[in-house]
Full PDB file with SEQRES, HELIX, SHEET, SSBOND, CRYST1, ORIGX, SCALE, CONECT and MASTER records, all heavy atoms in Angstrom:
SEQRES   1 A   44  PHE VAL GLY LEU PHE PRO GLN LEU ASP ALA LEU ASN VAL          
SEQRES   2 A   44  MET ARG LEU SER SER PRO GLN SER ALA ILE LEU SER ALA          
SEQRES   3 A   44  VAL ILE PHE ASN ALA LEU ILE ILE VAL ALA LEU ILE PRO          
SEQRES   4 A   44  LEU SER LEU ARG GLY                                          
HELIX    1 AA1 PRO A    6  LEU A   11  5                                   6    
HELIX    2 AA2 PRO A   19  ARG A   43  1                                  25    
CRYST1    1.000    1.000    1.000  90.00  90.00  90.00 P 1           1          
ORIGX1      1.000000  0.000000  0.000000        0.00000                         
ORIGX2      0.000000  1.000000  0.000000        0.00000                         
ORIGX3      0.000000  0.000000  1.000000        0.00000                         
SCALE1      1.000000  0.000000  0.000000        0.00000                         
SCALE2      0.000000  1.000000  0.000000        0.00000                         
SCALE3      0.000000  0.000000  1.000000        0.00000                         
ATOM      1  N   PHE A   1     105.701  39.339  -7.904  1.00  0.00           N  
ATOM      2  CA  PHE A   1     105.953  38.005  -8.513  1.00  0.00           C  
ATOM      3  C   PHE A   1     106.626  38.049  -9.902  1.00  0.00           C  
ATOM      4  O   PHE A   1     106.752  37.054 -10.562  1.00  0.00           O  
ATOM      5  CB  PHE A   1     104.561  37.272  -8.692  1.00  0.00           C  
ATOM      6  CG  PHE A   1     103.896  36.988  -7.430  1.00  0.00           C  
ATOM      7  CD1 PHE A   1     102.834  37.750  -6.980  1.00  0.00           C  
ATOM      8  CD2 PHE A   1     104.341  35.927  -6.605  1.00  0.00           C  
ATOM      9  CE1 PHE A   1     102.194  37.467  -5.763  1.00  0.00           C  
ATOM     10  CE2 PHE A   1     103.715  35.671  -5.409  1.00  0.00           C  
ATOM     11  CZ  PHE A   1     102.650  36.432  -4.979  1.00  0.00           C  
ATOM     12  N   VAL A   2     107.103  39.230 -10.264  1.00  0.00           N  
ATOM     13  CA  VAL A   2     107.751  39.294 -11.592  1.00  0.00           C  
ATOM     14  C   VAL A   2     109.060  38.472 -11.613  1.00  0.00           C  
ATOM     15  O   VAL A   2     109.442  37.958 -12.686  1.00  0.00           O  
ATOM     16  CB  VAL A   2     108.049  40.778 -11.945  1.00  0.00           C  
ATOM     17  CG1 VAL A   2     109.164  41.344 -11.072  1.00  0.00           C  
ATOM     18  CG2 VAL A   2     108.428  40.896 -13.446  1.00  0.00           C  
ATOM     19  N   GLY A   3     109.682  38.294 -10.454  1.00  0.00           N  
ATOM     20  CA  GLY A   3     110.891  37.458 -10.439  1.00  0.00           C  
ATOM     21  C   GLY A   3     110.597  35.985 -10.753  1.00  0.00           C  
ATOM     22  O   GLY A   3     111.404  35.316 -11.370  1.00  0.00           O  
ATOM     23  N   LEU A   4     109.492  35.513 -10.310  1.00  0.00           N  
ATOM     24  CA  LEU A   4     109.087  34.130 -10.540  1.00  0.00           C  
ATOM     25  C   LEU A   4     108.416  33.958 -11.899  1.00  0.00           C  
ATOM     26  O   LEU A   4     108.672  32.976 -12.596  1.00  0.00           O  
ATOM     27  CB  LEU A   4     108.155  33.653  -9.409  1.00  0.00           C  
ATOM     28  CG  LEU A   4     107.690  32.194  -9.489  1.00  0.00           C  
ATOM     29  CD1 LEU A   4     108.887  31.237  -9.395  1.00  0.00           C  
ATOM     30  CD2 LEU A   4     106.654  31.908  -8.403  1.00  0.00           C  
ATOM     31  N   PHE A   5     107.554  34.907 -12.198  1.00  0.00           N  
ATOM     32  CA  PHE A   5     106.840  34.840 -13.516  1.00  0.00           C  
ATOM     33  C   PHE A   5     107.167  36.108 -14.330  1.00  0.00           C  
ATOM     34  O   PHE A   5     106.486  37.124 -14.186  1.00  0.00           O  
ATOM     35  CB  PHE A   5     105.327  34.751 -13.269  1.00  0.00           C  
ATOM     36  CG  PHE A   5     104.880  33.591 -12.427  1.00  0.00           C  
ATOM     37  CD1 PHE A   5     104.495  33.753 -11.140  1.00  0.00           C  
ATOM     38  CD2 PHE A   5     104.967  32.299 -12.981  1.00  0.00           C  
ATOM     39  CE1 PHE A   5     104.124  32.676 -10.376  1.00  0.00           C  
ATOM     40  CE2 PHE A   5     104.547  31.218 -12.191  1.00  0.00           C  
ATOM     41  CZ  PHE A   5     104.134  31.396 -10.904  1.00  0.00           C  
ATOM     42  N   PRO A   6     108.210  36.076 -15.127  1.00  0.00           N  
ATOM     43  CA  PRO A   6     108.589  37.254 -15.918  1.00  0.00           C  
ATOM     44  C   PRO A   6     107.454  37.787 -16.811  1.00  0.00           C  
ATOM     45  O   PRO A   6     107.435  38.942 -17.169  1.00  0.00           O  
ATOM     46  CB  PRO A   6     109.752  36.747 -16.759  1.00  0.00           C  
ATOM     47  CG  PRO A   6     110.285  35.585 -15.999  1.00  0.00           C  
ATOM     48  CD  PRO A   6     109.123  34.956 -15.350  1.00  0.00           C  
ATOM     49  N   GLN A   7     106.513  36.899 -17.124  1.00  0.00           N  
ATOM     50  CA  GLN A   7     105.410  37.310 -17.979  1.00  0.00           C  
ATOM     51  C   GLN A   7     104.548  38.420 -17.325  1.00  0.00           C  
ATOM     52  O   GLN A   7     103.915  39.217 -17.997  1.00  0.00           O  
ATOM     53  CB  GLN A   7     104.489  36.141 -18.323  1.00  0.00           C  
ATOM     54  CG  GLN A   7     105.156  35.047 -19.088  1.00  0.00           C  
ATOM     55  CD  GLN A   7     105.846  34.016 -18.170  1.00  0.00           C  
ATOM     56  OE1 GLN A   7     106.103  34.326 -16.985  1.00  0.00           O  
ATOM     57  NE2 GLN A   7     106.187  32.838 -18.684  1.00  0.00           N  
ATOM     58  N   LEU A   8     104.611  38.489 -15.962  1.00  0.00           N  
ATOM     59  CA  LEU A   8     103.843  39.531 -15.249  1.00  0.00           C  
ATOM     60  C   LEU A   8     104.364  40.914 -15.531  1.00  0.00           C  
ATOM     61  O   LEU A   8     103.670  41.897 -15.247  1.00  0.00           O  
ATOM     62  CB  LEU A   8     103.868  39.249 -13.739  1.00  0.00           C  
ATOM     63  CG  LEU A   8     103.044  38.077 -13.236  1.00  0.00           C  
ATOM     64  CD1 LEU A   8     103.225  37.882 -11.749  1.00  0.00           C  
ATOM     65  CD2 LEU A   8     101.564  38.260 -13.568  1.00  0.00           C  
ATOM     66  N   ASP A   9     105.564  40.996 -16.105  1.00  0.00           N  
ATOM     67  CA  ASP A   9     106.102  42.315 -16.446  1.00  0.00           C  
ATOM     68  C   ASP A   9     105.187  43.049 -17.410  1.00  0.00           C  
ATOM     69  O   ASP A   9     105.208  44.297 -17.476  1.00  0.00           O  
ATOM     70  CB  ASP A   9     107.502  42.190 -17.001  1.00  0.00           C  
ATOM     71  CG  ASP A   9     108.165  43.541 -17.112  1.00  0.00           C  
ATOM     72  OD1 ASP A   9     108.291  44.247 -16.076  1.00  0.00           O  
ATOM     73  OD2 ASP A   9     108.577  43.920 -18.241  1.00  0.00           O  
ATOM     74  N   ALA A  10     104.417  42.295 -18.163  1.00  0.00           N  
ATOM     75  CA  ALA A  10     103.483  42.905 -19.126  1.00  0.00           C  
ATOM     76  C   ALA A  10     102.405  43.754 -18.392  1.00  0.00           C  
ATOM     77  O   ALA A  10     101.878  44.674 -18.960  1.00  0.00           O  
ATOM     78  CB  ALA A  10     102.825  41.849 -19.992  1.00  0.00           C  
ATOM     79  N   LEU A  11     102.143  43.384 -17.146  1.00  0.00           N  
ATOM     80  CA  LEU A  11     101.177  44.108 -16.372  1.00  0.00           C  
ATOM     81  C   LEU A  11     101.770  45.362 -15.760  1.00  0.00           C  
ATOM     82  O   LEU A  11     101.032  46.212 -15.225  1.00  0.00           O  
ATOM     83  CB  LEU A  11     100.582  43.238 -15.244  1.00  0.00           C  
ATOM     84  CG  LEU A  11      99.813  41.990 -15.668  1.00  0.00           C  
ATOM     85  CD1 LEU A  11      99.301  41.205 -14.478  1.00  0.00           C  
ATOM     86  CD2 LEU A  11      98.594  42.416 -16.539  1.00  0.00           C  
ATOM     87  N   ASN A  12     103.053  45.454 -15.767  1.00  0.00           N  
ATOM     88  CA  ASN A  12     103.751  46.651 -15.235  1.00  0.00           C  
ATOM     89  C   ASN A  12     103.667  47.787 -16.246  1.00  0.00           C  
ATOM     90  O   ASN A  12     104.662  48.261 -16.771  1.00  0.00           O  
ATOM     91  CB  ASN A  12     105.190  46.312 -14.926  1.00  0.00           C  
ATOM     92  CG  ASN A  12     105.894  47.465 -14.196  1.00  0.00           C  
ATOM     93  OD1 ASN A  12     105.247  48.387 -13.671  1.00  0.00           O  
ATOM     94  ND2 ASN A  12     107.233  47.422 -14.181  1.00  0.00           N  
ATOM     95  N   VAL A  13     102.415  48.215 -16.541  1.00  0.00           N  
ATOM     96  CA  VAL A  13     102.203  49.195 -17.595  1.00  0.00           C  
ATOM     97  C   VAL A  13     102.775  50.586 -17.196  1.00  0.00           C  
ATOM     98  O   VAL A  13     103.035  51.379 -18.088  1.00  0.00           O  
ATOM     99  CB  VAL A  13     100.680  49.352 -17.865  1.00  0.00           C  
ATOM    100  CG1 VAL A  13     100.143  48.057 -18.466  1.00  0.00           C  
ATOM    101  CG2 VAL A  13      99.911  49.736 -16.631  1.00  0.00           C  
ATOM    102  N   MET A  14     103.000  50.809 -15.913  1.00  0.00           N  
ATOM    103  CA  MET A  14     103.542  52.098 -15.496  1.00  0.00           C  
ATOM    104  C   MET A  14     105.086  52.083 -15.582  1.00  0.00           C  
ATOM    105  O   MET A  14     105.709  53.177 -15.429  1.00  0.00           O  
ATOM    106  CB  MET A  14     103.102  52.402 -14.030  1.00  0.00           C  
ATOM    107  CG  MET A  14     101.638  52.760 -13.944  1.00  0.00           C  
ATOM    108  SD  MET A  14     101.113  53.059 -12.225  1.00  0.00           S  
ATOM    109  CE  MET A  14     100.704  51.398 -11.719  1.00  0.00           C  
ATOM    110  N   ARG A  15     105.663  50.916 -15.815  1.00  0.00           N  
ATOM    111  CA  ARG A  15     107.139  50.796 -15.918  1.00  0.00           C  
ATOM    112  C   ARG A  15     107.780  51.375 -14.684  1.00  0.00           C  
ATOM    113  O   ARG A  15     108.649  52.300 -14.762  1.00  0.00           O  
ATOM    114  CB  ARG A  15     107.648  51.504 -17.193  1.00  0.00           C  
ATOM    115  CG  ARG A  15     107.173  50.833 -18.493  1.00  0.00           C  
ATOM    116  CD  ARG A  15     107.627  49.388 -18.547  1.00  0.00           C  
ATOM    117  NE  ARG A  15     106.775  48.544 -19.387  1.00  0.00           N  
ATOM    118  CZ  ARG A  15     106.852  47.252 -19.432  1.00  0.00           C  
ATOM    119  NH1 ARG A  15     107.713  46.621 -18.669  1.00  0.00           N  
ATOM    120  NH2 ARG A  15     106.042  46.564 -20.170  1.00  0.00           N  
ATOM    121  N   LEU A  16     107.434  50.873 -13.553  1.00  0.00           N  
ATOM    122  CA  LEU A  16     107.949  51.358 -12.252  1.00  0.00           C  
ATOM    123  C   LEU A  16     109.397  50.874 -12.093  1.00  0.00           C  
ATOM    124  O   LEU A  16     109.775  49.820 -12.615  1.00  0.00           O  
ATOM    125  CB  LEU A  16     107.087  50.881 -11.132  1.00  0.00           C  
ATOM    126  CG  LEU A  16     105.612  51.328 -11.234  1.00  0.00           C  
ATOM    127  CD1 LEU A  16     104.823  50.751 -10.058  1.00  0.00           C  
ATOM    128  CD2 LEU A  16     105.484  52.819 -11.317  1.00  0.00           C  
ATOM    129  N   SER A  17     110.161  51.610 -11.332  1.00  0.00           N  
ATOM    130  CA  SER A  17     111.616  51.409 -11.272  1.00  0.00           C  
ATOM    131  C   SER A  17     112.042  50.077 -10.671  1.00  0.00           C  
ATOM    132  O   SER A  17     112.920  49.395 -11.209  1.00  0.00           O  
ATOM    133  CB  SER A  17     112.256  52.540 -10.449  1.00  0.00           C  
ATOM    134  OG  SER A  17     111.949  53.814 -10.996  1.00  0.00           O  
ATOM    135  N   SER A  18     111.404  49.683  -9.564  1.00  0.00           N  
ATOM    136  CA  SER A  18     111.803  48.451  -8.912  1.00  0.00           C  
ATOM    137  C   SER A  18     110.596  47.935  -8.104  1.00  0.00           C  
ATOM    138  O   SER A  18     109.667  48.717  -7.852  1.00  0.00           O  
ATOM    139  CB  SER A  18     112.963  48.693  -7.974  1.00  0.00           C  
ATOM    140  OG  SER A  18     112.596  49.533  -6.899  1.00  0.00           O  
ATOM    141  N   PRO A  19     110.619  46.678  -7.687  1.00  0.00           N  
ATOM    142  CA  PRO A  19     109.515  46.177  -6.844  1.00  0.00           C  
ATOM    143  C   PRO A  19     109.327  46.970  -5.600  1.00  0.00           C  
ATOM    144  O   PRO A  19     108.183  47.292  -5.201  1.00  0.00           O  
ATOM    145  CB  PRO A  19     109.951  44.721  -6.545  1.00  0.00           C  
ATOM    146  CG  PRO A  19     110.808  44.345  -7.717  1.00  0.00           C  
ATOM    147  CD  PRO A  19     111.554  45.580  -8.095  1.00  0.00           C  
ATOM    148  N   GLN A  20     110.429  47.370  -4.923  1.00  0.00           N  
ATOM    149  CA  GLN A  20     110.287  48.123  -3.676  1.00  0.00           C  
ATOM    150  C   GLN A  20     109.714  49.521  -3.944  1.00  0.00           C  
ATOM    151  O   GLN A  20     108.861  49.987  -3.158  1.00  0.00           O  
ATOM    152  CB  GLN A  20     111.613  48.202  -2.973  1.00  0.00           C  
ATOM    153  CG  GLN A  20     112.081  46.897  -2.320  1.00  0.00           C  
ATOM    154  CD  GLN A  20     113.296  47.052  -1.450  1.00  0.00           C  
ATOM    155  OE1 GLN A  20     114.168  47.874  -1.753  1.00  0.00           O  
ATOM    156  NE2 GLN A  20     113.391  46.271  -0.411  1.00  0.00           N  
ATOM    157  N   SER A  21     110.202  50.199  -4.961  1.00  0.00           N  
ATOM    158  CA  SER A  21     109.665  51.537  -5.238  1.00  0.00           C  
ATOM    159  C   SER A  21     108.219  51.483  -5.671  1.00  0.00           C  
ATOM    160  O   SER A  21     107.426  52.375  -5.358  1.00  0.00           O  
ATOM    161  CB  SER A  21     110.527  52.219  -6.324  1.00  0.00           C  
ATOM    162  OG  SER A  21     110.328  51.608  -7.593  1.00  0.00           O  
ATOM    163  N   ALA A  22     107.832  50.383  -6.349  1.00  0.00           N  
ATOM    164  CA  ALA A  22     106.417  50.241  -6.733  1.00  0.00           C  
ATOM    165  C   ALA A  22     105.532  50.114  -5.539  1.00  0.00           C  
ATOM    166  O   ALA A  22     104.484  50.754  -5.467  1.00  0.00           O  
ATOM    167  CB  ALA A  22     106.289  49.019  -7.653  1.00  0.00           C  
ATOM    168  N   ILE A  23     105.950  49.269  -4.573  1.00  0.00           N  
ATOM    169  CA  ILE A  23     105.132  49.064  -3.378  1.00  0.00           C  
ATOM    170  C   ILE A  23     105.055  50.329  -2.551  1.00  0.00           C  
ATOM    171  O   ILE A  23     103.994  50.762  -2.085  1.00  0.00           O  
ATOM    172  CB  ILE A  23     105.703  47.879  -2.564  1.00  0.00           C  
ATOM    173  CG1 ILE A  23     105.551  46.580  -3.342  1.00  0.00           C  
ATOM    174  CG2 ILE A  23     105.034  47.810  -1.228  1.00  0.00           C  
ATOM    175  CD1 ILE A  23     106.305  45.422  -2.769  1.00  0.00           C  
ATOM    176  N   LEU A  24     106.208  50.983  -2.347  1.00  0.00           N  
ATOM    177  CA  LEU A  24     106.219  52.170  -1.529  1.00  0.00           C  
ATOM    178  C   LEU A  24     105.403  53.304  -2.189  1.00  0.00           C  
ATOM    179  O   LEU A  24     104.690  54.019  -1.534  1.00  0.00           O  
ATOM    180  CB  LEU A  24     107.664  52.641  -1.276  1.00  0.00           C  
ATOM    181  CG  LEU A  24     107.829  53.886  -0.392  1.00  0.00           C  
ATOM    182  CD1 LEU A  24     107.160  53.684   0.948  1.00  0.00           C  
ATOM    183  CD2 LEU A  24     109.332  54.229  -0.192  1.00  0.00           C  
ATOM    184  N   SER A  25     105.512  53.428  -3.496  1.00  0.00           N  
ATOM    185  CA  SER A  25     104.767  54.452  -4.243  1.00  0.00           C  
ATOM    186  C   SER A  25     103.259  54.242  -4.073  1.00  0.00           C  
ATOM    187  O   SER A  25     102.491  55.205  -3.915  1.00  0.00           O  
ATOM    188  CB  SER A  25     105.117  54.454  -5.717  1.00  0.00           C  
ATOM    189  OG  SER A  25     106.503  54.778  -5.897  1.00  0.00           O  
ATOM    190  N   ALA A  26     102.868  52.974  -4.134  1.00  0.00           N  
ATOM    191  CA  ALA A  26     101.418  52.683  -3.972  1.00  0.00           C  
ATOM    192  C   ALA A  26     100.966  53.018  -2.567  1.00  0.00           C  
ATOM    193  O   ALA A  26      99.843  53.545  -2.383  1.00  0.00           O  
ATOM    194  CB  ALA A  26     101.151  51.203  -4.286  1.00  0.00           C  
ATOM    195  N   VAL A  27     101.762  52.752  -1.564  1.00  0.00           N  
ATOM    196  CA  VAL A  27     101.409  53.030  -0.172  1.00  0.00           C  
ATOM    197  C   VAL A  27     101.305  54.567   0.051  1.00  0.00           C  
ATOM    198  O   VAL A  27     100.376  55.031   0.689  1.00  0.00           O  
ATOM    199  CB  VAL A  27     102.436  52.433   0.810  1.00  0.00           C  
ATOM    200  CG1 VAL A  27     102.209  52.937   2.245  1.00  0.00           C  
ATOM    201  CG2 VAL A  27     102.386  50.890   0.775  1.00  0.00           C  
ATOM    202  N   ILE A  28     102.290  55.271  -0.490  1.00  0.00           N  
ATOM    203  CA  ILE A  28     102.277  56.737  -0.350  1.00  0.00           C  
ATOM    204  C   ILE A  28     101.057  57.335  -1.066  1.00  0.00           C  
ATOM    205  O   ILE A  28     100.345  58.196  -0.519  1.00  0.00           O  
ATOM    206  CB  ILE A  28     103.581  57.381  -0.916  1.00  0.00           C  
ATOM    207  CG1 ILE A  28     104.755  56.913  -0.077  1.00  0.00           C  
ATOM    208  CG2 ILE A  28     103.461  58.899  -0.923  1.00  0.00           C  
ATOM    209  CD1 ILE A  28     106.096  57.370  -0.610  1.00  0.00           C  
ATOM    210  N   PHE A  29     100.780  56.875  -2.285  1.00  0.00           N  
ATOM    211  CA  PHE A  29      99.595  57.369  -3.009  1.00  0.00           C  
ATOM    212  C   PHE A  29      98.323  57.046  -2.225  1.00  0.00           C  
ATOM    213  O   PHE A  29      97.397  57.892  -2.128  1.00  0.00           O  
ATOM    214  CB  PHE A  29      99.532  56.711  -4.399  1.00  0.00           C  
ATOM    215  CG  PHE A  29      98.313  57.100  -5.166  1.00  0.00           C  
ATOM    216  CD1 PHE A  29      98.256  58.300  -5.868  1.00  0.00           C  
ATOM    217  CD2 PHE A  29      97.149  56.326  -5.152  1.00  0.00           C  
ATOM    218  CE1 PHE A  29      97.107  58.671  -6.558  1.00  0.00           C  
ATOM    219  CE2 PHE A  29      96.014  56.687  -5.827  1.00  0.00           C  
ATOM    220  CZ  PHE A  29      95.987  57.865  -6.557  1.00  0.00           C  
ATOM    221  N   ASN A  30      98.276  55.897  -1.639  1.00  0.00           N  
ATOM    222  CA  ASN A  30      97.101  55.491  -0.836  1.00  0.00           C  
ATOM    223  C   ASN A  30      96.818  56.448   0.284  1.00  0.00           C  
ATOM    224  O   ASN A  30      95.694  56.730   0.665  1.00  0.00           O  
ATOM    225  CB  ASN A  30      97.308  54.066  -0.332  1.00  0.00           C  
ATOM    226  CG  ASN A  30      96.047  53.432   0.167  1.00  0.00           C  
ATOM    227  OD1 ASN A  30      95.098  53.248  -0.630  1.00  0.00           O  
ATOM    228  ND2 ASN A  30      95.989  53.113   1.456  1.00  0.00           N  
ATOM    229  N   ALA A  31      97.894  56.994   0.869  1.00  0.00           N  
ATOM    230  CA  ALA A  31      97.779  57.927   1.969  1.00  0.00           C  
ATOM    231  C   ALA A  31      97.436  59.339   1.498  1.00  0.00           C  
ATOM    232  O   ALA A  31      96.538  60.018   1.991  1.00  0.00           O  
ATOM    233  CB  ALA A  31      99.018  57.964   2.825  1.00  0.00           C  
ATOM    234  N   LEU A  32      98.139  59.764   0.420  1.00  0.00           N  
ATOM    235  CA  LEU A  32      97.969  61.145  -0.063  1.00  0.00           C  
ATOM    236  C   LEU A  32      96.601  61.378  -0.692  1.00  0.00           C  
ATOM    237  O   LEU A  32      96.056  62.485  -0.621  1.00  0.00           O  
ATOM    238  CB  LEU A  32      99.080  61.483  -1.040  1.00  0.00           C  
ATOM    239  CG  LEU A  32     100.512  61.572  -0.488  1.00  0.00           C  
ATOM    240  CD1 LEU A  32     101.479  61.932  -1.605  1.00  0.00           C  
ATOM    241  CD2 LEU A  32     100.565  62.644   0.627  1.00  0.00           C  
ATOM    242  N   ILE A  33      96.031  60.340  -1.303  1.00  0.00           N  
ATOM    243  CA  ILE A  33      94.728  60.522  -1.941  1.00  0.00           C  
ATOM    244  C   ILE A  33      93.641  60.832  -0.919  1.00  0.00           C  
ATOM    245  O   ILE A  33      92.668  61.556  -1.220  1.00  0.00           O  
ATOM    246  CB  ILE A  33      94.333  59.290  -2.787  1.00  0.00           C  
ATOM    247  CG1 ILE A  33      93.235  59.652  -3.787  1.00  0.00           C  
ATOM    248  CG2 ILE A  33      93.902  58.128  -1.911  1.00  0.00           C  
ATOM    249  CD1 ILE A  33      93.659  60.661  -4.820  1.00  0.00           C  
ATOM    250  N   ILE A  34      93.818  60.367   0.333  1.00  0.00           N  
ATOM    251  CA  ILE A  34      92.872  60.706   1.380  1.00  0.00           C  
ATOM    252  C   ILE A  34      92.898  62.195   1.653  1.00  0.00           C  
ATOM    253  O   ILE A  34      91.869  62.854   1.757  1.00  0.00           O  
ATOM    254  CB  ILE A  34      93.177  59.897   2.650  1.00  0.00           C  
ATOM    255  CG1 ILE A  34      92.979  58.393   2.402  1.00  0.00           C  
ATOM    256  CG2 ILE A  34      92.333  60.391   3.831  1.00  0.00           C  
ATOM    257  CD1 ILE A  34      93.407  57.532   3.578  1.00  0.00           C  
ATOM    258  N   VAL A  35      94.140  62.735   1.759  1.00  0.00           N  
ATOM    259  CA  VAL A  35      94.295  64.180   2.003  1.00  0.00           C  
ATOM    260  C   VAL A  35      93.683  64.959   0.880  1.00  0.00           C  
ATOM    261  O   VAL A  35      93.008  65.997   1.077  1.00  0.00           O  
ATOM    262  CB  VAL A  35      95.762  64.514   2.188  1.00  0.00           C  
ATOM    263  CG1 VAL A  35      95.930  66.043   2.413  1.00  0.00           C  
ATOM    264  CG2 VAL A  35      96.341  63.750   3.390  1.00  0.00           C  
ATOM    265  N   ALA A  36      93.952  64.513  -0.367  1.00  0.00           N  
ATOM    266  CA  ALA A  36      93.448  65.235  -1.516  1.00  0.00           C  
ATOM    267  C   ALA A  36      91.906  65.307  -1.586  1.00  0.00           C  
ATOM    268  O   ALA A  36      91.357  66.263  -2.092  1.00  0.00           O  
ATOM    269  CB  ALA A  36      93.984  64.615  -2.794  1.00  0.00           C  
ATOM    270  N   LEU A  37      91.272  64.278  -1.031  1.00  0.00           N  
ATOM    271  CA  LEU A  37      89.810  64.188  -1.106  1.00  0.00           C  
ATOM    272  C   LEU A  37      89.099  64.767   0.127  1.00  0.00           C  
ATOM    273  O   LEU A  37      87.878  64.827   0.113  1.00  0.00           O  
ATOM    274  CB  LEU A  37      89.393  62.744  -1.350  1.00  0.00           C  
ATOM    275  CG  LEU A  37      89.769  62.131  -2.677  1.00  0.00           C  
ATOM    276  CD1 LEU A  37      89.366  60.665  -2.745  1.00  0.00           C  
ATOM    277  CD2 LEU A  37      89.084  62.902  -3.829  1.00  0.00           C  
ATOM    278  N   ILE A  38      89.843  65.158   1.132  1.00  0.00           N  
ATOM    279  CA  ILE A  38      89.189  65.740   2.336  1.00  0.00           C  
ATOM    280  C   ILE A  38      88.368  66.961   1.962  1.00  0.00           C  
ATOM    281  O   ILE A  38      87.206  67.110   2.373  1.00  0.00           O  
ATOM    282  CB  ILE A  38      90.208  66.070   3.415  1.00  0.00           C  
ATOM    283  CG1 ILE A  38      90.741  64.799   4.070  1.00  0.00           C  
ATOM    284  CG2 ILE A  38      89.573  66.956   4.509  1.00  0.00           C  
ATOM    285  CD1 ILE A  38      91.835  65.025   5.102  1.00  0.00           C  
ATOM    286  N   PRO A  39      88.900  67.970   1.183  1.00  0.00           N  
ATOM    287  CA  PRO A  39      88.049  69.134   0.843  1.00  0.00           C  
ATOM    288  C   PRO A  39      86.753  68.734   0.117  1.00  0.00           C  
ATOM    289  O   PRO A  39      85.710  69.310   0.368  1.00  0.00           O  
ATOM    290  CB  PRO A  39      88.986  69.956  -0.063  1.00  0.00           C  
ATOM    291  CG  PRO A  39      90.380  69.550   0.339  1.00  0.00           C  
ATOM    292  CD  PRO A  39      90.263  68.106   0.677  1.00  0.00           C  
ATOM    293  N   LEU A  40      86.849  67.757  -0.806  1.00  0.00           N  
ATOM    294  CA  LEU A  40      85.664  67.322  -1.515  1.00  0.00           C  
ATOM    295  C   LEU A  40      84.647  66.674  -0.602  1.00  0.00           C  
ATOM    296  O   LEU A  40      83.428  66.910  -0.690  1.00  0.00           O  
ATOM    297  CB  LEU A  40      86.071  66.350  -2.647  1.00  0.00           C  
ATOM    298  CG  LEU A  40      84.880  65.847  -3.492  1.00  0.00           C  
ATOM    299  CD1 LEU A  40      84.183  66.985  -4.183  1.00  0.00           C  
ATOM    300  CD2 LEU A  40      85.375  64.820  -4.505  1.00  0.00           C  
ATOM    301  N   SER A  41      85.142  65.866   0.343  1.00  0.00           N  
ATOM    302  CA  SER A  41      84.207  65.215   1.272  1.00  0.00           C  
ATOM    303  C   SER A  41      83.523  66.224   2.165  1.00  0.00           C  
ATOM    304  O   SER A  41      82.351  66.065   2.565  1.00  0.00           O  
ATOM    305  CB  SER A  41      84.940  64.180   2.121  1.00  0.00           C  
ATOM    306  OG  SER A  41      85.856  64.790   3.031  1.00  0.00           O  
ATOM    307  N   LEU A  42      84.182  67.336   2.490  1.00  0.00           N  
ATOM    308  CA  LEU A  42      83.609  68.351   3.355  1.00  0.00           C  
ATOM    309  C   LEU A  42      82.670  69.255   2.545  1.00  0.00           C  
ATOM    310  O   LEU A  42      81.626  69.665   3.033  1.00  0.00           O  
ATOM    311  CB  LEU A  42      84.704  69.160   4.022  1.00  0.00           C  
ATOM    312  CG  LEU A  42      85.645  68.430   4.970  1.00  0.00           C  
ATOM    313  CD1 LEU A  42      86.661  69.404   5.574  1.00  0.00           C  
ATOM    314  CD2 LEU A  42      84.871  67.763   6.106  1.00  0.00           C  
ATOM    315  N   ARG A  43      83.106  69.588   1.353  1.00  0.00           N  
ATOM    316  CA  ARG A  43      82.277  70.456   0.515  1.00  0.00           C  
ATOM    317  C   ARG A  43      81.132  69.764  -0.135  1.00  0.00           C  
ATOM    318  O   ARG A  43      80.022  70.292  -0.273  1.00  0.00           O  
ATOM    319  CB  ARG A  43      83.191  71.104  -0.583  1.00  0.00           C  
ATOM    320  CG  ARG A  43      82.462  72.123  -1.458  1.00  0.00           C  
ATOM    321  CD  ARG A  43      83.416  72.715  -2.488  1.00  0.00           C  
ATOM    322  NE  ARG A  43      83.878  71.718  -3.452  1.00  0.00           N  
ATOM    323  CZ  ARG A  43      85.091  71.198  -3.502  1.00  0.00           C  
ATOM    324  NH1 ARG A  43      86.010  71.589  -2.654  1.00  0.00           N  
ATOM    325  NH2 ARG A  43      85.433  70.322  -4.414  1.00  0.00           N  
ATOM    326  N   GLY A  44      81.335  68.460  -0.502  1.00  0.00           N  
ATOM    327  CA  GLY A  44      80.300  67.686  -1.127  1.00  0.00           C  
ATOM    328  C   GLY A  44      80.411  67.796  -2.657  1.00  0.00           C  
ATOM    329  O   GLY A  44      80.773  68.862  -3.191  1.00  0.00           O  
TER     330      GLY A  44                                                      
MASTER        0    0    0    2    0    0    0    6  329    1    0    4          
END                                                                             
């Protein structure tokens, strides 16, 4: 919504490159964090 409400740019604290890269980066992180936590879930 930064295009409609420029004020939302203040919430973009990570200063991501573009709306599309921000969304894709979040999706990729969401998948990779599962892999990263598998050893911990198995080990406890």
